[in-house]
Protein backbone atom coordinates (compact mmCIF):
# COMPACT_ATOMS: atom_id res chain seq x y z
CA UNK A 1 -122.10 -20.69 43.58
CA UNK A 2 -119.62 -21.86 41.07
CA UNK A 3 -117.07 -24.53 42.09
CA UNK A 4 -113.65 -23.06 42.59
CA UNK A 5 -112.19 -24.74 39.37
CA UNK A 6 -115.18 -23.62 37.31
CA UNK A 7 -114.91 -20.09 38.66
CA UNK A 8 -111.27 -19.92 37.64
CA UNK A 9 -112.10 -21.18 34.14
CA UNK A 10 -115.02 -18.84 33.63
CA UNK A 11 -113.03 -15.83 34.79
CA UNK A 12 -110.27 -16.68 32.34
CA UNK A 13 -112.58 -17.35 29.40
CA UNK A 14 -115.24 -14.71 30.10
CA UNK A 15 -113.66 -12.21 27.79
CA UNK A 16 -113.56 -14.58 24.93
CA UNK A 17 -117.11 -15.94 25.44
CA UNK A 18 -118.46 -12.49 26.07
CA UNK A 19 -116.66 -11.17 23.00
CA UNK A 20 -118.23 -13.95 20.95
CA UNK A 21 -121.80 -13.91 22.38
CA UNK A 22 -122.98 -11.68 19.54
CA UNK A 23 -122.16 -14.48 17.12
CA UNK A 24 -123.21 -17.25 19.46
CA UNK A 25 -126.81 -16.05 20.15
CA UNK A 26 -127.96 -15.71 16.51
CA UNK A 27 -126.60 -19.12 15.72
CA UNK A 28 -128.19 -20.52 18.76
CA UNK A 29 -131.69 -19.14 17.81
CA UNK A 30 -131.23 -20.45 14.22
CA UNK A 31 -130.62 -23.89 15.57
CA UNK A 32 -133.38 -23.72 18.13
CA UNK A 33 -135.95 -22.63 15.60
CA UNK A 34 -134.72 -25.07 13.01
CA UNK A 35 -135.27 -27.93 15.42
CA UNK A 36 -138.49 -26.47 16.98
CA UNK A 37 -140.22 -24.21 14.62
CA UNK A 38 -143.26 -24.14 16.88
CA UNK A 39 -141.31 -22.03 19.46
CA UNK A 40 -140.99 -19.17 17.07
CA UNK A 41 -144.49 -19.58 15.83
CA UNK A 42 -146.29 -19.88 19.21
CA UNK A 43 -143.97 -18.68 22.00
CA UNK A 44 -141.12 -16.38 21.07
CA UNK A 45 -141.96 -12.82 19.88
CA UNK A 46 -141.46 -12.81 16.11
CA UNK A 47 -140.98 -8.98 16.10
CA UNK A 48 -138.20 -9.06 18.67
CA UNK A 49 -136.58 -11.93 16.85
CA UNK A 50 -136.81 -9.97 13.53
CA UNK A 51 -135.18 -6.81 15.05
CA UNK A 52 -132.61 -8.55 17.09
CA UNK A 53 -133.47 -7.19 20.55
CA UNK A 54 -134.39 -10.61 22.07
CA UNK A 55 -131.01 -11.95 20.95
CA UNK A 56 -129.26 -8.95 22.52
CA UNK A 57 -131.21 -9.49 25.73
CA UNK A 58 -130.19 -13.22 25.97
CA UNK A 59 -126.56 -12.24 25.39
CA UNK A 60 -126.72 -9.51 28.08
CA UNK A 61 -128.26 -11.89 30.71
CA UNK A 62 -125.85 -14.65 30.17
CA UNK A 63 -122.80 -12.30 30.36
CA UNK A 64 -124.36 -10.48 33.32
CA UNK A 65 -125.04 -13.70 35.23
CA UNK A 66 -121.55 -15.15 34.59
CA UNK A 67 -119.88 -11.82 35.62
CA UNK A 68 -121.90 -11.78 38.77
CA UNK A 69 -120.79 -15.29 39.69
CA UNK A 70 -117.15 -14.59 39.36
CA UNK A 71 -117.14 -11.05 40.81
CA UNK A 72 -119.66 -11.70 43.62
CA UNK A 73 -119.53 -15.39 44.32
CA UNK A 74 -121.56 -15.19 47.52
CA UNK A 75 -124.40 -12.98 46.02
CA UNK A 76 -126.95 -14.33 43.68
CA UNK A 77 -128.32 -11.72 41.19
CA UNK A 78 -131.89 -12.22 42.36
CA UNK A 79 -133.19 -8.89 40.89
CA UNK A 80 -132.20 -10.11 37.32
CA UNK A 81 -133.46 -13.58 37.88
CA UNK A 82 -136.90 -12.40 39.12
CA UNK A 83 -137.36 -10.18 36.13
CA UNK A 84 -136.62 -12.99 33.73
CA UNK A 85 -138.70 -15.66 35.70
CA UNK A 86 -141.74 -13.31 35.78
CA UNK A 87 -141.49 -13.00 31.98
CA UNK A 88 -141.06 -16.66 31.54
CA UNK A 89 -144.03 -17.44 33.90
CA UNK A 90 -146.21 -15.16 31.75
CA UNK A 91 -145.33 -17.11 28.73
CA UNK A 92 -145.79 -20.58 30.27
CA UNK A 93 -142.05 -21.59 30.04
CA UNK A 94 -141.52 -25.13 31.53
CA UNK A 95 -138.59 -26.81 33.24
CA UNK A 96 -138.25 -29.25 30.22
CA UNK A 97 -137.55 -26.32 27.77
CA UNK A 98 -134.29 -25.42 29.64
CA UNK A 99 -132.67 -28.59 28.41
CA UNK A 100 -133.81 -27.80 24.78
CA UNK A 101 -132.20 -24.38 25.13
CA UNK A 102 -128.95 -26.00 26.69
CA UNK A 103 -128.73 -28.36 23.74
CA UNK A 104 -128.83 -25.70 21.10
CA UNK A 105 -126.92 -23.13 22.97
CA UNK A 106 -124.00 -25.23 23.63
CA UNK A 107 -123.84 -26.50 20.12
CA UNK A 108 -123.54 -22.83 19.00
CA UNK A 109 -120.89 -22.13 21.38
CA UNK A 110 -118.82 -25.06 20.21
CA UNK A 111 -119.38 -24.07 16.65
CA UNK A 112 -118.27 -20.54 17.21
CA UNK A 113 -115.40 -21.08 19.53
CA UNK A 114 -114.14 -24.29 18.08
CA UNK A 115 -111.12 -25.86 19.70
CA UNK A 116 -111.14 -23.21 22.45
CA UNK A 117 -114.04 -25.10 23.97
CA UNK A 118 -112.02 -27.77 25.87
CA UNK A 119 -113.80 -30.27 28.07
CA UNK A 120 -112.76 -28.18 31.12
CA UNK A 121 -114.21 -24.90 29.46
CA UNK A 122 -117.38 -26.73 28.55
CA UNK A 123 -117.82 -28.15 32.01
CA UNK A 124 -117.23 -24.63 33.57
CA UNK A 125 -119.87 -22.93 31.38
CA UNK A 126 -122.27 -25.81 31.83
CA UNK A 127 -122.11 -24.98 35.59
CA UNK A 128 -123.02 -21.38 34.72
CA UNK A 129 -125.89 -22.36 32.60
CA UNK A 130 -127.46 -24.78 35.08
CA UNK A 131 -126.99 -22.47 37.97
CA UNK A 132 -128.88 -19.86 36.17
CA UNK A 133 -131.48 -22.28 34.74
CA UNK A 134 -132.17 -24.07 37.97
CA UNK A 135 -132.53 -20.78 39.84
CA UNK A 136 -135.02 -19.66 37.28
CA UNK A 137 -136.91 -22.94 37.38
CA UNK A 138 -137.28 -22.62 41.19
CA UNK A 139 -138.52 -19.13 40.94
CA UNK A 140 -140.93 -19.97 38.14
CA UNK A 141 -142.23 -22.95 40.04
CA UNK A 142 -143.19 -20.71 43.06
CA UNK A 143 -144.82 -18.15 40.73
CA UNK A 144 -146.88 -20.92 38.98
CA UNK A 145 -147.93 -22.31 42.43
CA UNK A 146 -148.96 -18.72 43.62
CA UNK A 147 -151.03 -18.40 40.44
CA UNK A 148 -152.68 -21.81 40.97
CA UNK A 149 -151.11 -23.23 37.92
CA UNK A 150 -148.63 -25.75 39.32
CA UNK A 151 -148.18 -27.27 35.79
CA UNK A 152 -147.14 -23.96 34.30
CA UNK A 153 -150.42 -23.32 32.49
CA UNK A 154 -152.00 -20.18 33.81
CA UNK A 155 -153.93 -19.43 30.63
CA UNK A 156 -157.71 -18.79 30.75
CA UNK A 157 -160.31 -17.44 28.35
CA UNK A 158 -161.66 -14.05 29.03
CA UNK A 159 -164.38 -12.15 27.43
CA UNK A 160 -163.99 -8.60 26.55
CA UNK A 161 -166.55 -6.59 28.68
CA UNK A 162 -165.59 -3.25 27.27
CA UNK A 163 -163.23 -1.58 24.96
CA UNK A 164 -162.37 2.17 25.36
CA UNK A 165 -160.38 4.34 22.81
CA UNK A 166 -157.79 6.32 24.69
CA UNK A 167 -155.94 8.01 21.80
CA UNK A 168 -155.54 7.26 18.11
CA UNK A 169 -152.99 4.53 19.05
CA UNK A 170 -154.16 3.25 22.42
CA UNK A 171 -157.07 1.19 23.54
CA UNK A 172 -157.99 -0.18 26.95
CA UNK A 173 -159.65 -3.51 27.25
CA UNK A 174 -161.76 -4.62 30.32
CA UNK A 175 -161.89 -8.41 30.37
CA UNK A 176 -163.63 -10.96 32.70
CA UNK A 177 -163.14 -14.80 33.02
CA UNK A 178 -165.37 -16.58 30.55
CA UNK A 179 -165.82 -19.43 32.90
CA UNK A 180 -167.49 -17.19 35.64
CA UNK A 181 -164.74 -17.79 37.97
CA UNK A 182 -162.97 -15.22 40.12
CA UNK A 183 -160.52 -12.68 38.77
CA UNK A 184 -156.99 -13.47 39.74
CA UNK A 185 -155.26 -11.41 42.35
CA UNK A 186 -152.74 -8.94 41.04
CA UNK A 187 -150.32 -6.27 42.24
CA UNK A 188 -150.22 -2.80 40.94
CA UNK A 189 -147.47 -2.60 38.29
CA UNK A 190 -147.93 -6.08 36.91
CA UNK A 191 -148.95 -7.36 33.45
CA UNK A 192 -150.70 -10.13 31.68
CA UNK A 193 -149.89 -11.98 28.55
CA UNK A 194 -152.27 -12.09 25.73
CA UNK A 195 -152.23 -14.76 23.05
CA UNK A 196 -153.89 -14.26 19.75
CA UNK A 197 -154.10 -16.50 16.75
CA UNK A 198 -152.95 -14.56 13.58
CA UNK A 199 -153.99 -15.00 9.96
CA UNK A 200 -151.02 -17.40 9.26
CA UNK A 201 -152.02 -19.71 12.22
CA UNK A 202 -149.22 -18.54 14.54
CA UNK A 203 -150.37 -18.00 18.18
CA UNK A 204 -148.25 -15.08 19.16
CA UNK A 205 -147.96 -13.67 22.71
CA UNK A 206 -147.45 -10.10 24.04
CA UNK A 207 -147.46 -8.73 27.55
CA UNK A 208 -149.66 -5.61 28.45
CA UNK A 209 -149.67 -3.66 31.63
CA UNK A 210 -152.63 -3.65 33.84
CA UNK A 211 -154.07 -0.25 34.30
CA UNK A 212 -156.57 -1.44 36.81
CA UNK A 213 -159.25 -3.93 37.70
CA UNK A 214 -161.68 -5.01 40.35
CA UNK A 215 -163.32 -8.27 41.55
CA UNK A 216 -165.02 -8.70 38.27
CA UNK A 217 -162.53 -7.68 35.56
CA UNK A 218 -158.93 -6.94 34.66
CA UNK A 219 -158.17 -3.92 32.49
CA UNK A 220 -155.14 -3.61 30.24
CA UNK A 221 -153.95 -1.14 27.53
CA UNK A 222 -152.61 -1.77 24.09
CA UNK A 223 -150.68 0.64 21.91
CA UNK A 224 -150.94 -0.15 18.24
CA UNK A 225 -147.56 -0.67 16.68
CA UNK A 226 -147.19 -0.33 13.05
CA UNK A 227 -144.84 -2.54 10.84
CA UNK A 228 -144.34 -6.19 10.40
CA UNK A 229 -143.87 -8.37 12.43
CA UNK A 230 -143.34 -5.93 15.40
CA UNK A 231 -146.95 -4.83 15.72
CA UNK A 232 -148.86 -7.98 14.45
CA UNK A 233 -150.51 -8.72 17.82
CA UNK A 234 -151.32 -5.08 18.81
CA UNK A 235 -152.88 -4.39 15.29
CA UNK A 236 -154.94 -7.57 15.60
CA UNK A 237 -156.26 -6.55 19.00
CA UNK A 238 -157.03 -3.07 17.71
CA UNK A 239 -158.73 -4.15 14.43
CA UNK A 240 -160.21 -7.57 15.20
CA UNK A 241 -161.22 -7.58 18.97
CA UNK A 242 -164.16 -5.82 20.43
CA UNK A 243 -166.88 -6.18 23.14
CA UNK A 244 -167.85 -9.79 23.53
CA UNK A 245 -164.98 -11.32 21.94
CA UNK A 246 -162.77 -14.00 23.67
CA UNK A 247 -159.16 -13.70 24.53
CA UNK A 248 -156.60 -16.16 25.95
CA UNK A 249 -154.89 -14.44 28.84
CA UNK A 250 -152.38 -15.49 31.38
CA UNK A 251 -152.35 -14.89 35.21
CA UNK A 252 -150.76 -11.48 36.13
CA UNK A 253 -147.06 -11.51 36.58
CA UNK A 254 -144.33 -8.90 36.83
CA UNK A 255 -141.62 -8.15 39.36
CA UNK A 256 -142.09 -4.35 39.37
CA UNK A 257 -144.81 -3.95 41.92
CA UNK A 258 -145.91 -1.05 44.04
CA UNK A 259 -144.66 -1.42 47.66
CA UNK A 260 -146.76 -1.36 50.68
CA UNK A 261 -144.64 1.10 52.51
CA UNK A 262 -145.78 4.58 53.57
CA UNK A 263 -142.89 6.59 52.45
CA UNK A 264 -143.11 8.85 49.32
CA UNK A 265 -143.40 7.36 45.93
CA UNK A 266 -142.26 8.91 42.58
CA UNK A 267 -143.83 7.58 39.32
CA UNK A 268 -141.91 8.55 36.31
CA UNK A 269 -143.19 7.61 32.74
CA UNK A 270 -142.97 8.42 29.03
CA UNK A 271 -145.37 7.53 26.25
CA UNK A 272 -147.15 4.22 26.76
CA UNK A 273 -144.97 3.67 29.79
CA UNK A 274 -147.66 5.47 31.70
CA UNK A 275 -149.72 2.22 31.94
CA UNK A 276 -148.14 0.56 34.91
CA UNK A 277 -147.99 3.95 36.59
CA UNK A 278 -151.83 4.44 36.06
CA UNK A 279 -152.35 0.92 37.66
CA UNK A 280 -150.32 2.02 40.63
CA UNK A 281 -152.17 5.38 40.90
CA UNK A 282 -155.51 3.63 40.66
CA UNK A 283 -154.54 1.46 43.56
CA UNK A 284 -153.25 4.31 45.70
CA UNK A 285 -156.32 6.52 44.89
CA UNK A 286 -158.67 3.67 45.56
CA UNK A 287 -157.24 2.93 48.94
CA UNK A 288 -157.10 6.69 49.89
CA UNK A 289 -153.53 6.50 50.50
CA UNK A 290 -151.84 9.24 52.54
CA UNK A 291 -148.42 8.72 50.90
CA UNK A 292 -146.96 11.60 49.07
CA UNK A 293 -147.16 10.63 45.42
CA UNK A 294 -145.35 12.55 42.63
CA UNK A 295 -146.45 11.39 39.12
CA UNK A 296 -144.26 12.56 36.30
CA UNK A 297 -145.06 12.01 32.64
CA UNK A 298 -143.51 12.96 29.13
CA UNK A 299 -145.32 12.65 25.90
CA UNK A 300 -145.34 14.12 22.35
CA UNK A 301 -148.52 16.19 22.82
CA UNK A 302 -151.86 16.18 24.75
CA UNK A 303 -153.55 14.14 21.91
CA UNK A 304 -150.90 11.37 22.23
CA UNK A 305 -151.13 11.26 26.06
CA UNK A 306 -153.13 8.09 27.02
CA UNK A 307 -154.94 8.11 30.43
CA UNK A 308 -154.37 11.91 30.77
CA UNK A 309 -157.73 12.24 32.47
CA UNK A 310 -157.13 9.35 34.93
CA UNK A 311 -153.69 10.84 35.82
CA UNK A 312 -155.37 14.00 36.94
CA UNK A 313 -158.34 12.23 38.48
CA UNK A 314 -156.18 9.87 40.61
CA UNK A 315 -153.58 12.34 41.75
CA UNK A 316 -156.49 14.74 42.56
CA UNK A 317 -158.06 12.13 44.91
CA UNK A 318 -154.77 11.74 46.83
CA UNK A 319 -154.20 13.89 49.89
CA UNK A 320 -150.59 14.36 49.04
CA UNK A 321 -150.72 13.67 45.21
CA UNK A 322 -149.26 15.82 42.50
CA UNK A 323 -148.72 15.47 38.75
CA UNK A 324 -146.20 16.97 36.47
CA UNK A 325 -146.45 16.57 32.60
CA UNK A 326 -143.98 17.63 29.82
CA UNK A 327 -144.92 17.68 26.24
CA UNK A 328 -142.46 17.78 23.45
CA UNK A 329 -144.78 20.10 21.53
CA UNK A 330 -146.16 23.13 23.32
CA UNK A 331 -149.60 22.75 24.86
CA UNK A 332 -151.93 25.62 25.77
CA UNK A 333 -152.58 24.31 29.38
CA UNK A 334 -148.91 23.69 30.18
CA UNK A 335 -146.37 26.39 31.08
CA UNK A 336 -143.50 27.01 28.56
CA UNK A 337 -140.93 25.42 30.94
CA UNK A 338 -142.90 22.14 30.63
CA UNK A 339 -142.24 21.98 26.96
CA UNK A 340 -139.61 19.45 25.78
CA UNK A 341 -138.28 16.41 27.64
CA UNK A 342 -138.90 15.51 31.34
CA UNK A 343 -136.62 17.39 33.66
CA UNK A 344 -136.61 15.79 37.02
CA UNK A 345 -134.04 18.39 38.29
CA UNK A 346 -136.96 20.90 38.19
CA UNK A 347 -138.91 19.09 40.83
CA UNK A 348 -138.49 19.01 44.68
CA UNK A 349 -138.18 15.20 45.08
CA UNK A 350 -137.95 13.64 48.53
CA UNK A 351 -134.70 11.67 48.86
CA UNK A 352 -136.35 8.92 50.94
CA UNK A 353 -138.94 7.99 48.10
CA UNK A 354 -139.34 4.85 46.30
CA UNK A 355 -139.36 5.48 42.43
CA UNK A 356 -140.85 3.46 39.50
CA UNK A 357 -139.81 4.15 36.04
CA UNK A 358 -141.34 2.95 32.74
CA UNK A 359 -140.60 4.17 29.11
CA UNK A 360 -138.19 3.81 26.27
CA UNK A 361 -134.57 2.74 27.39
CA UNK A 362 -132.77 6.05 26.86
CA UNK A 363 -135.51 7.80 28.92
CA UNK A 364 -135.17 5.26 31.72
CA UNK A 365 -131.47 5.71 31.81
CA UNK A 366 -131.69 9.54 31.87
CA UNK A 367 -134.54 9.57 34.47
CA UNK A 368 -132.61 7.06 36.79
CA UNK A 369 -129.44 9.26 36.51
CA UNK A 370 -131.61 12.38 37.50
CA UNK A 371 -133.03 10.56 40.42
CA UNK A 372 -129.65 9.42 41.75
CA UNK A 373 -128.47 13.02 41.35
CA UNK A 374 -131.42 14.18 43.27
CA UNK A 375 -130.27 11.90 46.19
CA UNK A 376 -132.57 8.94 45.92
CA UNK A 377 -131.13 5.58 46.93
CA UNK A 378 -130.27 3.59 43.71
CA UNK A 379 -131.69 0.46 45.41
CA UNK A 380 -135.07 2.28 45.62
CA UNK A 381 -135.31 3.09 41.92
CA UNK A 382 -137.21 0.38 39.98
CA UNK A 383 -137.88 0.13 36.27
CA UNK A 384 -140.13 -1.60 33.88
CA UNK A 385 -139.18 -1.98 30.15
CA UNK A 386 -141.58 -3.16 27.50
CA UNK A 387 -139.85 -5.89 25.41
CA UNK A 388 -136.57 -7.46 25.92
CA UNK A 389 -134.49 -6.04 28.87
CA UNK A 390 -131.54 -4.49 26.93
CA UNK A 391 -130.46 -2.67 30.19
CA UNK A 392 -128.33 -5.75 31.06
CA UNK A 393 -126.33 -5.43 27.85
CA UNK A 394 -125.46 -1.80 28.53
């Protein structure tokens, strides 16, 4: 926790720092990439940097962490830290890089706030930064050790065993370790990072949800994203990678994991957000789970719905499984009331269920509100968001 003096200073300056964070973060990234261009080339997502979402996410996480420290000094925001730590571990972030970030972040704070950053203010926010950084370093160290990569390098070469076209935009890749070693353990709901070398020499990284796997291979799905630079990795995978090719892939990470309880589970997704849910359903069906499982999905139309057949297959194998699908455009095999957006209020949902959500941020917020309204415990509602987590900035 913060020292009493620092807590008082942070509480007093939080409105000013929070109000300026939108200026501080772009300046921080400009300074960071000017000093370390290799970080933008080979670590940070150039698409998220270009559209500003990564900068918004950093601003939101810093403000949320500082607010938590002063409003709830005896409670560490572990859920937020776990989400960030898993993402960092999937990228191979190391402890030494936190000092690099500190140098350029505090230079940006001083440049934006000027004389308002007295030695007392600087010392207080230094405490905030290192409390957050050291907590993340500790979690990431544990994650690396669990992945058998104590040095932070969990990357391995995998060979593409098969590639399956799901829709015009989605392909599924089954990959196995090129060294013939064992496939790493993973939990349903997790993802892997994939690093590819692009035409300009950049080695960009993206995360993709695992839709299944076994003792010989991992299986993940990639939706092609058009536009530069947002979709540069997904387009490369779609156009350049096929059976027999090699890919550099991290160990599985991700804090949103299917629990092992026996109570009901509700899986709610939209669009490509179906992928972690398919991974969870594959596990439940493979184990012959007796849990009540309610899978809900929304999409544009049947042709856009990736893993549609697997959704029906897996829920059909479950003794207490059911699926509910909404399409924005009418579909011949769906009743008229299932046209439009997902409406969870139309379903009989058990209030003791654990829920997992994945999809665009507006969908996540609407779905979560409907689940709370239906009586589910907010603590039992978990979400996965693809890309920077802007929920924190809401």
